[in-house]
């Protein structure tokens, strides 16, 4: 009984170590410089920001279309 608990605890610890190392080794993230972001066209920049968590609020969506929002972000990128 004690031996089986010990084996289970060891396997759970091993699994935790493997999952933690896999999460830390994830290199799928792209890194961009400010110059890279400024060189992108408005649509590409907007899509990248949305992919990384940008959410336009409902109040902004009522005022601006997606195209207008793309242009706004591109024009005022330094302010953001």
C-alpha atoms as a PDB file:
ATOM      1  CA  UNK A   1       0.000   0.000   0.000  1.00  0.00           C
ATOM      2  CA  UNK A   2       2.709   2.457   1.008  1.00  0.00           C
ATOM      3  CA  UNK A   3       4.796   1.481  -2.006  1.00  0.00           C
ATOM      4  CA  UNK A   4       1.945   2.155  -4.463  1.00  0.00           C
ATOM      5  CA  UNK A   5       1.351   5.622  -2.999  1.00  0.00           C
ATOM      6  CA  UNK A   6       5.018   6.335  -3.327  1.00  0.00           C
ATOM      7  CA  UNK A   7       5.006   5.266  -6.981  1.00  0.00           C
ATOM      8  CA  UNK A   8       1.937   7.412  -7.703  1.00  0.00           C
ATOM      9  CA  UNK A   9       3.523  10.416  -5.971  1.00  0.00           C
ATOM     10  CA  UNK A  10       6.718   9.905  -7.982  1.00  0.00           C
ATOM     11  CA  UNK A  11       4.810   9.662 -11.275  1.00  0.00           C
ATOM     12  CA  UNK A  12       2.766  12.780 -10.482  1.00  0.00           C
ATOM     13  CA  UNK A  13       5.942  14.679  -9.596  1.00  0.00           C
ATOM     14  CA  UNK A  14       7.602  13.536 -12.799  1.00  0.00           C
ATOM     15  CA  UNK A  15       4.567  14.570 -14.835  1.00  0.00           C
ATOM     16  CA  UNK A  16       4.550  17.999 -13.163  1.00  0.00           C
ATOM     17  CA  UNK A  17       8.234  18.490 -13.949  1.00  0.00           C
ATOM     18  CA  UNK A  18       7.727  17.513 -17.590  1.00  0.00           C
ATOM     19  CA  UNK A  19       4.719  19.820 -18.004  1.00  0.00           C
ATOM     20  CA  UNK A  20       6.527  22.726 -16.342  1.00  0.00           C
ATOM     21  CA  UNK A  21       9.605  22.324 -18.519  1.00  0.00           C
ATOM     22  CA  UNK A  22       7.455  22.046 -21.650  1.00  0.00           C
ATOM     23  CA  UNK A  23       5.627  25.254 -20.758  1.00  0.00           C
ATOM     24  CA  UNK A  24       8.880  27.093 -20.082  1.00  0.00           C
ATOM     25  CA  UNK A  25      10.477  25.867 -23.301  1.00  0.00           C
ATOM     26  CA  UNK A  26       7.629  27.150 -25.497  1.00  0.00           C
ATOM     27  CA  UNK A  27       9.344  29.390 -28.044  1.00  0.00           C
ATOM     28  CA  UNK A  28       6.391  29.943 -30.386  1.00  0.00           C
ATOM     29  CA  UNK A  29       6.152  33.604 -29.482  1.00  0.00           C
ATOM     30  CA  UNK A  30       7.297  36.075 -32.101  1.00  0.00           C
ATOM     31  CA  UNK A  31       9.145  39.116 -30.883  1.00  0.00           C
ATOM     32  CA  UNK A  32       8.713  42.458 -32.617  1.00  0.00           C
ATOM     33  CA  UNK A  33      10.601  45.697 -32.264  1.00  0.00           C
ATOM     34  CA  UNK A  34       8.833  49.041 -32.345  1.00  0.00           C
ATOM     35  CA  UNK A  35      10.242  49.573 -35.834  1.00  0.00           C
ATOM     36  CA  UNK A  36       8.770  46.234 -36.958  1.00  0.00           C
ATOM     37  CA  UNK A  37       5.350  47.210 -35.661  1.00  0.00           C
ATOM     38  CA  UNK A  38       5.510  50.673 -37.218  1.00  0.00           C
ATOM     39  CA  UNK A  39       6.472  49.140 -40.591  1.00  0.00           C
ATOM     40  CA  UNK A  40       3.366  46.919 -40.676  1.00  0.00           C
ATOM     41  CA  UNK A  41       0.323  48.058 -42.585  1.00  0.00           C
ATOM     42  CA  UNK A  42      -2.768  48.964 -40.561  1.00  0.00           C
ATOM     43  CA  UNK A  43      -4.639  45.688 -41.106  1.00  0.00           C
ATOM     44  CA  UNK A  44      -1.633  43.495 -40.280  1.00  0.00           C
ATOM     45  CA  UNK A  45      -0.917  45.473 -37.092  1.00  0.00           C
ATOM     46  CA  UNK A  46      -4.565  45.302 -35.997  1.00  0.00           C
ATOM     47  CA  UNK A  47      -4.719  41.532 -36.582  1.00  0.00           C
ATOM     48  CA  UNK A  48      -1.486  41.010 -34.630  1.00  0.00           C
ATOM     49  CA  UNK A  49      -2.813  43.044 -31.714  1.00  0.00           C
ATOM     50  CA  UNK A  50      -6.105  41.126 -31.767  1.00  0.00           C
ATOM     51  CA  UNK A  51      -4.188  37.838 -31.809  1.00  0.00           C
ATOM     52  CA  UNK A  52      -2.354  38.992 -28.688  1.00  0.00           C
ATOM     53  CA  UNK A  53      -5.455  39.955 -26.739  1.00  0.00           C
ATOM     54  CA  UNK A  54      -6.693  43.319 -28.001  1.00  0.00           C
ATOM     55  CA  UNK A  55     -10.451  43.573 -27.625  1.00  0.00           C
ATOM     56  CA  UNK A  56     -12.326  46.588 -28.888  1.00  0.00           C
ATOM     57  CA  UNK A  57     -15.160  47.547 -26.573  1.00  0.00           C
ATOM     58  CA  UNK A  58     -18.763  47.668 -27.740  1.00  0.00           C
ATOM     59  CA  UNK A  59     -18.822  51.462 -27.413  1.00  0.00           C
ATOM     60  CA  UNK A  60     -15.884  51.819 -29.806  1.00  0.00           C
ATOM     61  CA  UNK A  61     -17.404  49.269 -32.199  1.00  0.00           C
ATOM     62  CA  UNK A  62     -20.534  51.451 -32.361  1.00  0.00           C
ATOM     63  CA  UNK A  63     -18.486  54.500 -33.371  1.00  0.00           C
ATOM     64  CA  UNK A  64     -15.761  52.995 -35.589  1.00  0.00           C
ATOM     65  CA  UNK A  65     -15.790  50.237 -38.176  1.00  0.00           C
ATOM     66  CA  UNK A  66     -12.961  47.692 -38.154  1.00  0.00           C
ATOM     67  CA  UNK A  67     -11.269  49.524 -41.018  1.00  0.00           C
ATOM     68  CA  UNK A  68     -11.476  52.859 -39.171  1.00  0.00           C
ATOM     69  CA  UNK A  69     -10.177  51.228 -35.998  1.00  0.00           C
ATOM     70  CA  UNK A  70      -7.236  49.763 -37.916  1.00  0.00           C
ATOM     71  CA  UNK A  71      -6.361  53.200 -39.268  1.00  0.00           C
ATOM     72  CA  UNK A  72      -6.783  54.841 -35.862  1.00  0.00           C
ATOM     73  CA  UNK A  73      -4.409  52.346 -34.229  1.00  0.00           C
ATOM     74  CA  UNK A  74      -1.868  52.756 -37.020  1.00  0.00           C
ATOM     75  CA  UNK A  75      -1.985  56.574 -36.988  1.00  0.00           C
ATOM     76  CA  UNK A  76      -1.808  56.889 -33.198  1.00  0.00           C
ATOM     77  CA  UNK A  77       0.526  53.956 -32.568  1.00  0.00           C
ATOM     78  CA  UNK A  78       3.038  56.111 -30.643  1.00  0.00           C
ATOM     79  CA  UNK A  79       0.302  57.306 -28.288  1.00  0.00           C
ATOM     80  CA  UNK A  80      -0.838  53.776 -27.529  1.00  0.00           C
END
